[in-house]
PDB file of N, CA and C in Angstrom:
ATOM      1  N   MET A   1      59.046  52.462   4.079  1.00  0.00           N
ATOM      2  CA  MET A   1      57.874  51.641   4.322  1.00  0.00           C
ATOM      3  C   MET A   1      56.712  52.559   4.712  1.00  0.00           C
ATOM      4  N   ARG A   2      55.508  52.117   4.321  1.00  0.00           N
ATOM      5  CA  ARG A   2      54.305  52.884   4.620  1.00  0.00           C
ATOM      6  C   ARG A   2      53.233  51.972   5.183  1.00  0.00           C
ATOM      7  N   ASN A   3      52.542  52.436   6.225  1.00  0.00           N
ATOM      8  CA  ASN A   3      51.331  51.777   6.693  1.00  0.00           C
ATOM      9  C   ASN A   3      50.200  52.222   5.790  1.00  0.00           C
ATOM     10  N   VAL A   4      49.348  51.288   5.377  1.00  0.00           N
ATOM     11  CA  VAL A   4      48.214  51.656   4.541  1.00  0.00           C
ATOM     12  C   VAL A   4      46.945  50.983   5.045  1.00  0.00           C
ATOM     13  N   GLU A   5      45.842  51.651   4.802  1.00  0.00           N
ATOM     14  CA  GLU A   5      44.524  51.080   5.051  1.00  0.00           C
ATOM     15  C   GLU A   5      43.627  51.555   3.916  1.00  0.00           C
ATOM     16  N   ILE A   6      43.088  50.603   3.174  1.00  0.00           N
ATOM     17  CA  ILE A   6      42.234  50.903   2.032  1.00  0.00           C
ATOM     18  C   ILE A   6      40.875  50.274   2.302  1.00  0.00           C
ATOM     19  N   LYS A   7      39.837  51.085   2.262  1.00  0.00           N
ATOM     20  CA  LYS A   7      38.483  50.572   2.456  1.00  0.00           C
ATOM     21  C   LYS A   7      37.762  50.631   1.119  1.00  0.00           C
ATOM     22  N   ILE A   8      37.192  49.502   0.727  1.00  0.00           N
ATOM     23  CA  ILE A   8      36.487  49.449  -0.544  1.00  0.00           C
ATOM     24  C   ILE A   8      35.077  48.916  -0.342  1.00  0.00           C
ATOM     25  N   GLN A   9      34.232  49.245  -1.290  1.00  0.00           N
ATOM     26  CA  GLN A   9      32.857  48.778  -1.256  1.00  0.00           C
ATOM     27  C   GLN A   9      32.829  47.355  -1.796  1.00  0.00           C
ATOM     28  N   GLY A  10      32.185  46.467  -1.074  1.00  0.00           N
ATOM     29  CA  GLY A  10      32.085  45.081  -1.504  1.00  0.00           C
ATOM     30  C   GLY A  10      33.076  44.196  -0.752  1.00  0.00           C
ATOM     31  N   ILE A  11      32.960  42.914  -1.007  1.00  0.00           N
ATOM     32  CA  ILE A  11      33.774  41.923  -0.313  1.00  0.00           C
ATOM     33  C   ILE A  11      34.830  41.352  -1.261  1.00  0.00           C
ATOM     34  N   ILE A  12      36.052  41.259  -0.774  1.00  0.00           N
ATOM     35  CA  ILE A  12      37.133  40.573  -1.487  1.00  0.00           C
ATOM     36  C   ILE A  12      37.442  39.311  -0.704  1.00  0.00           C
ATOM     37  N   ASP A  13      37.531  38.204  -1.387  1.00  0.00           N
ATOM     38  CA  ASP A  13      37.845  36.930  -0.743  1.00  0.00           C
ATOM     39  C   ASP A  13      39.248  36.971  -0.149  1.00  0.00           C
ATOM     40  N   GLU A  14      39.405  36.469   1.073  1.00  0.00           N
ATOM     41  CA  GLU A  14      40.704  36.471   1.750  1.00  0.00           C
ATOM     42  C   GLU A  14      41.762  35.678   0.988  1.00  0.00           C
ATOM     43  N   GLU A  15      41.341  34.773   0.124  1.00  0.00           N
ATOM     44  CA  GLU A  15      42.291  34.006  -0.682  1.00  0.00           C
ATOM     45  C   GLU A  15      43.035  34.891  -1.688  1.00  0.00           C
ATOM     46  N   CYS A  16      42.576  36.113  -1.875  1.00  0.00           N
ATOM     47  CA  CYS A  16      43.184  37.035  -2.841  1.00  0.00           C
ATOM     48  C   CYS A  16      44.298  37.879  -2.229  1.00  0.00           C
ATOM     49  N   GLU A  17      44.677  37.627  -0.972  1.00  0.00           N
ATOM     50  CA  GLU A  17      45.705  38.448  -0.317  1.00  0.00           C
ATOM     51  C   GLU A  17      46.988  38.529  -1.127  1.00  0.00           C
ATOM     52  N   GLN A  18      47.364  37.446  -1.795  1.00  0.00           N
ATOM     53  CA  GLN A  18      48.613  37.445  -2.566  1.00  0.00           C
ATOM     54  C   GLN A  18      48.573  38.458  -3.709  1.00  0.00           C
ATOM     55  N   TRP A  19      47.395  38.851  -4.164  1.00  0.00           N
ATOM     56  CA  TRP A  19      47.270  39.839  -5.228  1.00  0.00           C
ATOM     57  C   TRP A  19      47.620  41.240  -4.755  1.00  0.00           C
ATOM     58  N   PHE A  20      47.617  41.446  -3.436  1.00  0.00           N
ATOM     59  CA  PHE A  20      47.749  42.790  -2.896  1.00  0.00           C
ATOM     60  C   PHE A  20      48.984  42.943  -2.023  1.00  0.00           C
ATOM     61  N   SER A  21      50.088  42.391  -2.456  1.00  0.00           N
ATOM     62  CA  SER A  21      51.398  42.546  -1.813  1.00  0.00           C
ATOM     63  C   SER A  21      51.380  42.235  -0.322  1.00  0.00           C
ATOM     64  N   GLY A  22      50.602  41.220   0.057  1.00  0.00           N
ATOM     65  CA  GLY A  22      50.596  40.789   1.446  1.00  0.00           C
ATOM     66  C   GLY A  22      49.719  41.589   2.383  1.00  0.00           C
ATOM     67  N   LEU A  23      48.955  42.573   1.869  1.00  0.00           N
ATOM     68  CA  LEU A  23      48.031  43.293   2.736  1.00  0.00           C
ATOM     69  C   LEU A  23      46.988  42.306   3.256  1.00  0.00           C
ATOM     70  N   LYS A  24      46.585  42.487   4.492  1.00  0.00           N
ATOM     71  CA  LYS A  24      45.568  41.635   5.101  1.00  0.00           C
ATOM     72  C   LYS A  24      44.191  42.117   4.662  1.00  0.00           C
ATOM     73  N   ILE A  25      43.311  41.160   4.385  1.00  0.00           N
ATOM     74  CA  ILE A  25      41.949  41.467   3.951  1.00  0.00           C
ATOM     75  C   ILE A  25      41.000  41.200   5.104  1.00  0.00           C
ATOM     76  N   HIS A  26      40.205  42.209   5.436  1.00  0.00           N
ATOM     77  CA  HIS A  26      39.242  42.107   6.530  1.00  0.00           C
ATOM     78  C   HIS A  26      37.848  42.420   5.986  1.00  0.00           C
ATOM     79  N   ALA A  27      36.978  41.411   5.908  1.00  0.00           N
ATOM     80  CA  ALA A  27      35.597  41.632   5.482  1.00  0.00           C
ATOM     81  C   ALA A  27      34.809  42.195   6.660  1.00  0.00           C
ATOM     82  N   LEU A  28      34.050  43.239   6.405  1.00  0.00           N
ATOM     83  CA  LEU A  28      33.245  43.886   7.445  1.00  0.00           C
ATOM     84  C   LEU A  28      31.787  43.442   7.342  1.00  0.00           C
ATOM     85  N   GLU A  29      31.082  43.477   8.452  1.00  0.00           N
ATOM     86  CA  GLU A  29      29.671  43.106   8.458  1.00  0.00           C
ATOM     87  C   GLU A  29      28.844  44.001   7.546  1.00  0.00           C
ATOM     88  N   SER A  30      29.317  45.194   7.301  1.00  0.00           N
ATOM     89  CA  SER A  30      28.612  46.149   6.439  1.00  0.00           C
ATOM     90  C   SER A  30      28.639  45.738   4.971  1.00  0.00           C
ATOM     91  N   GLY A  31      29.459  44.735   4.644  1.00  0.00           N
ATOM     92  CA  GLY A  31      29.595  44.317   3.253  1.00  0.00           C
ATOM     93  C   GLY A  31      30.758  44.976   2.547  1.00  0.00           C
ATOM     94  N   ASP A  32      31.559  45.732   3.288  1.00  0.00           N
ATOM     95  CA  ASP A  32      32.747  46.372   2.739  1.00  0.00           C
ATOM     96  C   ASP A  32      33.985  45.575   3.142  1.00  0.00           C
ATOM     97  N   THR A  33      35.126  45.961   2.598  1.00  0.00           N
ATOM     98  CA  THR A  33      36.384  45.278   2.891  1.00  0.00           C
ATOM     99  C   THR A  33      37.456  46.303   3.218  1.00  0.00           C
ATOM    100  N   ILE A  34      38.307  45.967   4.192  1.00  0.00           N
ATOM    101  CA  ILE A  34      39.479  46.785   4.489  1.00  0.00           C
ATOM    102  C   ILE A  34      40.724  45.960   4.186  1.00  0.00           C
ATOM    103  N   LEU A  35      41.637  46.547   3.420  1.00  0.00           N
ATOM    104  CA  LEU A  35      42.959  45.972   3.193  1.00  0.00           C
ATOM    105  C   LEU A  35      43.916  46.797   4.032  1.00  0.00           C
ATOM    106  N   SER A  36      44.753  46.139   4.841  1.00  0.00           N
ATOM    107  CA  SER A  36      45.659  46.894   5.698  1.00  0.00           C
ATOM    108  C   SER A  36      46.992  46.180   5.834  1.00  0.00           C
ATOM    109  N   GLY A  37      48.019  46.970   6.123  1.00  0.00           N
ATOM    110  CA  GLY A  37      49.358  46.432   6.319  1.00  0.00           C
ATOM    111  C   GLY A  37      50.397  47.440   5.888  1.00  0.00           C
ATOM    112  N   THR A  38      51.564  46.942   5.518  1.00  0.00           N
ATOM    113  CA  THR A  38      52.643  47.829   5.084  1.00  0.00           C
ATOM    114  C   THR A  38      53.012  47.542   3.637  1.00  0.00           C
ATOM    115  N   VAL A  39      53.436  48.597   2.959  1.00  0.00           N
ATOM    116  CA  VAL A  39      53.958  48.480   1.598  1.00  0.00           C
ATOM    117  C   VAL A  39      55.338  49.121   1.579  1.00  0.00           C
ATOM    118  N   GLN A  40      56.129  48.749   0.605  1.00  0.00           N
ATOM    119  CA  GLN A  40      57.507  49.217   0.525  1.00  0.00           C
ATOM    120  C   GLN A  40      57.603  50.727   0.336  1.00  0.00           C
ATOM    121  N   ASP A  41      56.767  51.262  -0.564  1.00  0.00           N
ATOM    122  CA  ASP A  41      56.846  52.689  -0.878  1.00  0.00           C
ATOM    123  C   ASP A  41      55.569  53.122  -1.594  1.00  0.00           C
ATOM    124  N   GLN A  42      55.539  54.379  -1.994  1.00  0.00           N
ATOM    125  CA  GLN A  42      54.347  54.904  -2.651  1.00  0.00           C
ATOM    126  C   GLN A  42      54.090  54.222  -3.990  1.00  0.00           C
ATOM    127  N   ALA A  43      55.127  53.829  -4.699  1.00  0.00           N
ATOM    128  CA  ALA A  43      54.948  53.130  -5.969  1.00  0.00           C
ATOM    129  C   ALA A  43      54.207  51.805  -5.758  1.00  0.00           C
ATOM    130  N   ALA A  44      54.534  51.083  -4.690  1.00  0.00           N
ATOM    131  CA  ALA A  44      53.842  49.827  -4.383  1.00  0.00           C
ATOM    132  C   ALA A  44      52.374  50.092  -4.062  1.00  0.00           C
ATOM    133  N   LEU A  45      52.108  51.169  -3.317  1.00  0.00           N
ATOM    134  CA  LEU A  45      50.733  51.538  -3.004  1.00  0.00           C
ATOM    135  C   LEU A  45      49.963  51.862  -4.282  1.00  0.00           C
ATOM    136  N   CYS A  46      50.582  52.588  -5.186  1.00  0.00           N
ATOM    137  CA  CYS A  46      49.934  52.926  -6.454  1.00  0.00           C
ATOM    138  C   CYS A  46      49.622  51.665  -7.261  1.00  0.00           C
ATOM    139  N   GLY A  47      50.508  50.677  -7.213  1.00  0.00           N
ATOM    140  CA  GLY A  47      50.264  49.415  -7.900  1.00  0.00           C
ATOM    141  C   GLY A  47      49.059  48.681  -7.344  1.00  0.00           C
ATOM    142  N   ILE A  48      48.903  48.687  -6.028  1.00  0.00           N
ATOM    143  CA  ILE A  48      47.746  48.048  -5.395  1.00  0.00           C
ATOM    144  C   ILE A  48      46.467  48.784  -5.776  1.00  0.00           C
ATOM    145  N   ILE A  49      46.513  50.105  -5.743  1.00  0.00           N
ATOM    146  CA  ILE A  49      45.346  50.897  -6.123  1.00  0.00           C
ATOM    147  C   ILE A  49      44.968  50.628  -7.579  1.00  0.00           C
ATOM    148  N   ALA A  50      45.954  50.539  -8.448  1.00  0.00           N
ATOM    149  CA  ALA A  50      45.685  50.251  -9.860  1.00  0.00           C
ATOM    150  C   ALA A  50      45.020  48.881 -10.020  1.00  0.00           C
ATOM    151  N   ARG A  51      45.468  47.900  -9.267  1.00  0.00           N
ATOM    152  CA  ARG A  51      44.877  46.563  -9.349  1.00  0.00           C
ATOM    153  C   ARG A  51      43.422  46.589  -8.886  1.00  0.00           C
ATOM    154  N   LEU A  52      43.139  47.311  -7.807  1.00  0.00           N
ATOM    155  CA  LEU A  52      41.763  47.430  -7.317  1.00  0.00           C
ATOM    156  C   LEU A  52      40.878  48.129  -8.352  1.00  0.00           C
ATOM    157  N   ARG A  53      41.409  49.173  -8.978  1.00  0.00           N
ATOM    158  CA  ARG A  53      40.650  49.873 -10.034  1.00  0.00           C
ATOM    159  C   ARG A  53      40.393  48.950 -11.211  1.00  0.00           C
ATOM    160  N   TYR A  54      41.400  48.163 -11.592  1.00  0.00           N
ATOM    161  CA  TYR A  54      41.259  47.219 -12.700  1.00  0.00           C
ATOM    162  C   TYR A  54      40.134  46.215 -12.417  1.00  0.00           C
ATOM    163  N   LEU A  55      39.995  45.830 -11.152  1.00  0.00           N
ATOM    164  CA  LEU A  55      38.943  44.899 -10.753  1.00  0.00           C
ATOM    165  C   LEU A  55      37.569  45.567 -10.680  1.00  0.00           C
ATOM    166  N   GLY A  56      37.537  46.894 -10.856  1.00  0.00           N
ATOM    167  CA  GLY A  56      36.282  47.629 -10.869  1.00  0.00           C
ATOM    168  C   GLY A  56      35.713  47.894  -9.492  1.00  0.00           C
ATOM    169  N   LEU A  57      36.560  47.857  -8.469  1.00  0.00           N
ATOM    170  CA  LEU A  57      36.094  48.067  -7.100  1.00  0.00           C
ATOM    171  C   LEU A  57      36.026  49.556  -6.778  1.00  0.00           C
ATOM    172  N   GLN A  58      35.044  49.938  -5.985  1.00  0.00           N
ATOM    173  CA  GLN A  58      34.847  51.339  -5.625  1.00  0.00           C
ATOM    174  C   GLN A  58      35.510  51.635  -4.285  1.00  0.00           C
ATOM    175  N   PHE A  59      36.326  52.689  -4.259  1.00  0.00           N
ATOM    176  CA  PHE A  59      37.035  53.090  -3.041  1.00  0.00           C
ATOM    177  C   PHE A  59      36.125  53.879  -2.123  1.00  0.00           C
ATOM    178  N   ILE A  60      36.229  53.601  -0.826  1.00  0.00           N
ATOM    179  CA  ILE A  60      35.577  54.409   0.192  1.00  0.00           C
ATOM    180  C   ILE A  60      36.618  55.346   0.802  1.00  0.00           C
ATOM    181  N   SER A  61      37.810  54.798   1.131  1.00  0.00           N
ATOM    182  CA  SER A  61      38.886  55.637   1.670  1.00  0.00           C
ATOM    183  C   SER A  61      40.232  54.963   1.462  1.00  0.00           C
ATOM    184  N   VAL A  62      41.275  55.795   1.411  1.00  0.00           N
ATOM    185  CA  VAL A  62      42.658  55.324   1.343  1.00  0.00           C
ATOM    186  C   VAL A  62      43.451  56.160   2.338  1.00  0.00           C
ATOM    187  N   ASN A  63      44.079  55.495   3.308  1.00  0.00           N
ATOM    188  CA  ASN A  63      44.902  56.194   4.294  1.00  0.00           C
ATOM    189  C   ASN A  63      46.301  55.583   4.270  1.00  0.00           C
ATOM    190  N   SER A  64      47.294  56.451   4.352  1.00  0.00           N
ATOM    191  CA  SER A  64      48.672  56.005   4.280  1.00  0.00           C
ATOM    192  C   SER A  64      49.536  56.935   5.112  1.00  0.00           C
ATOM    193  N   ASP A  65      50.506  56.361   5.825  1.00  0.00           N
ATOM    194  CA  ASP A  65      51.466  57.205   6.542  1.00  0.00           C
ATOM    195  C   ASP A  65      52.836  56.539   6.519  1.00  0.00           C
ATOM    196  N   ASP A  66      53.844  57.355   6.525  1.00  0.00           N
ATOM    197  CA  ASP A  66      55.223  56.899   6.481  1.00  0.00           C
ATOM    198  C   ASP A  66      55.611  56.350   7.859  1.00  0.00           C
ATOM    199  N   ILE A  67      56.057  55.112   7.920  1.00  0.00           N
ATOM    200  CA  ILE A  67      56.440  54.487   9.184  1.00  0.00           C
ATOM    201  C   ILE A  67      57.598  55.236   9.822  1.00  0.00           C
ATOM    202  N   ASN A  68      58.504  55.777   9.023  1.00  0.00           N
ATOM    203  CA  ASN A  68      59.694  56.434   9.524  1.00  0.00           C
ATOM    204  C   ASN A  68      59.497  57.918   9.811  1.00  0.00           C
ATOM    205  N   ALA A  69      58.267  58.402   9.742  1.00  0.00           N
ATOM    206  CA  ALA A  69      58.023  59.825   9.982  1.00  0.00           C
ATOM    207  C   ALA A  69      58.478  60.226  11.370  1.00  0.00           C
ATOM    208  N   GLY A  70      59.125  61.339  11.467  1.00  0.00           N
ATOM    209  CA  GLY A  70      59.556  61.859  12.750  1.00  0.00           C
ATOM    210  C   GLY A  70      60.915  61.351  13.200  1.00  0.00           C
ATOM    211  N   GLU A  71      61.550  60.504  12.430  1.00  0.00           N
ATOM    212  CA  GLU A  71      62.883  59.998  12.828  1.00  0.00           C
ATOM    213  C   GLU A  71      63.961  60.901  12.313  1.00  0.00           C
TER     214      GLU A  71
END
């Protein structure tokens, strides 16, 4: 499992959460959006990134860390 936080330019409607494997959508006052939560593995993260690219959204940042790191 991996914790992820993806910040993109623009607003994504919270009703679209099901499109992003259950990541939570947080609209920011700046007009940007953060998707955050956990994904099963790097392949799942790549799938979410591909979907965002397909939608033509511009990435500001992508952060990911392994939940099991250090065990």
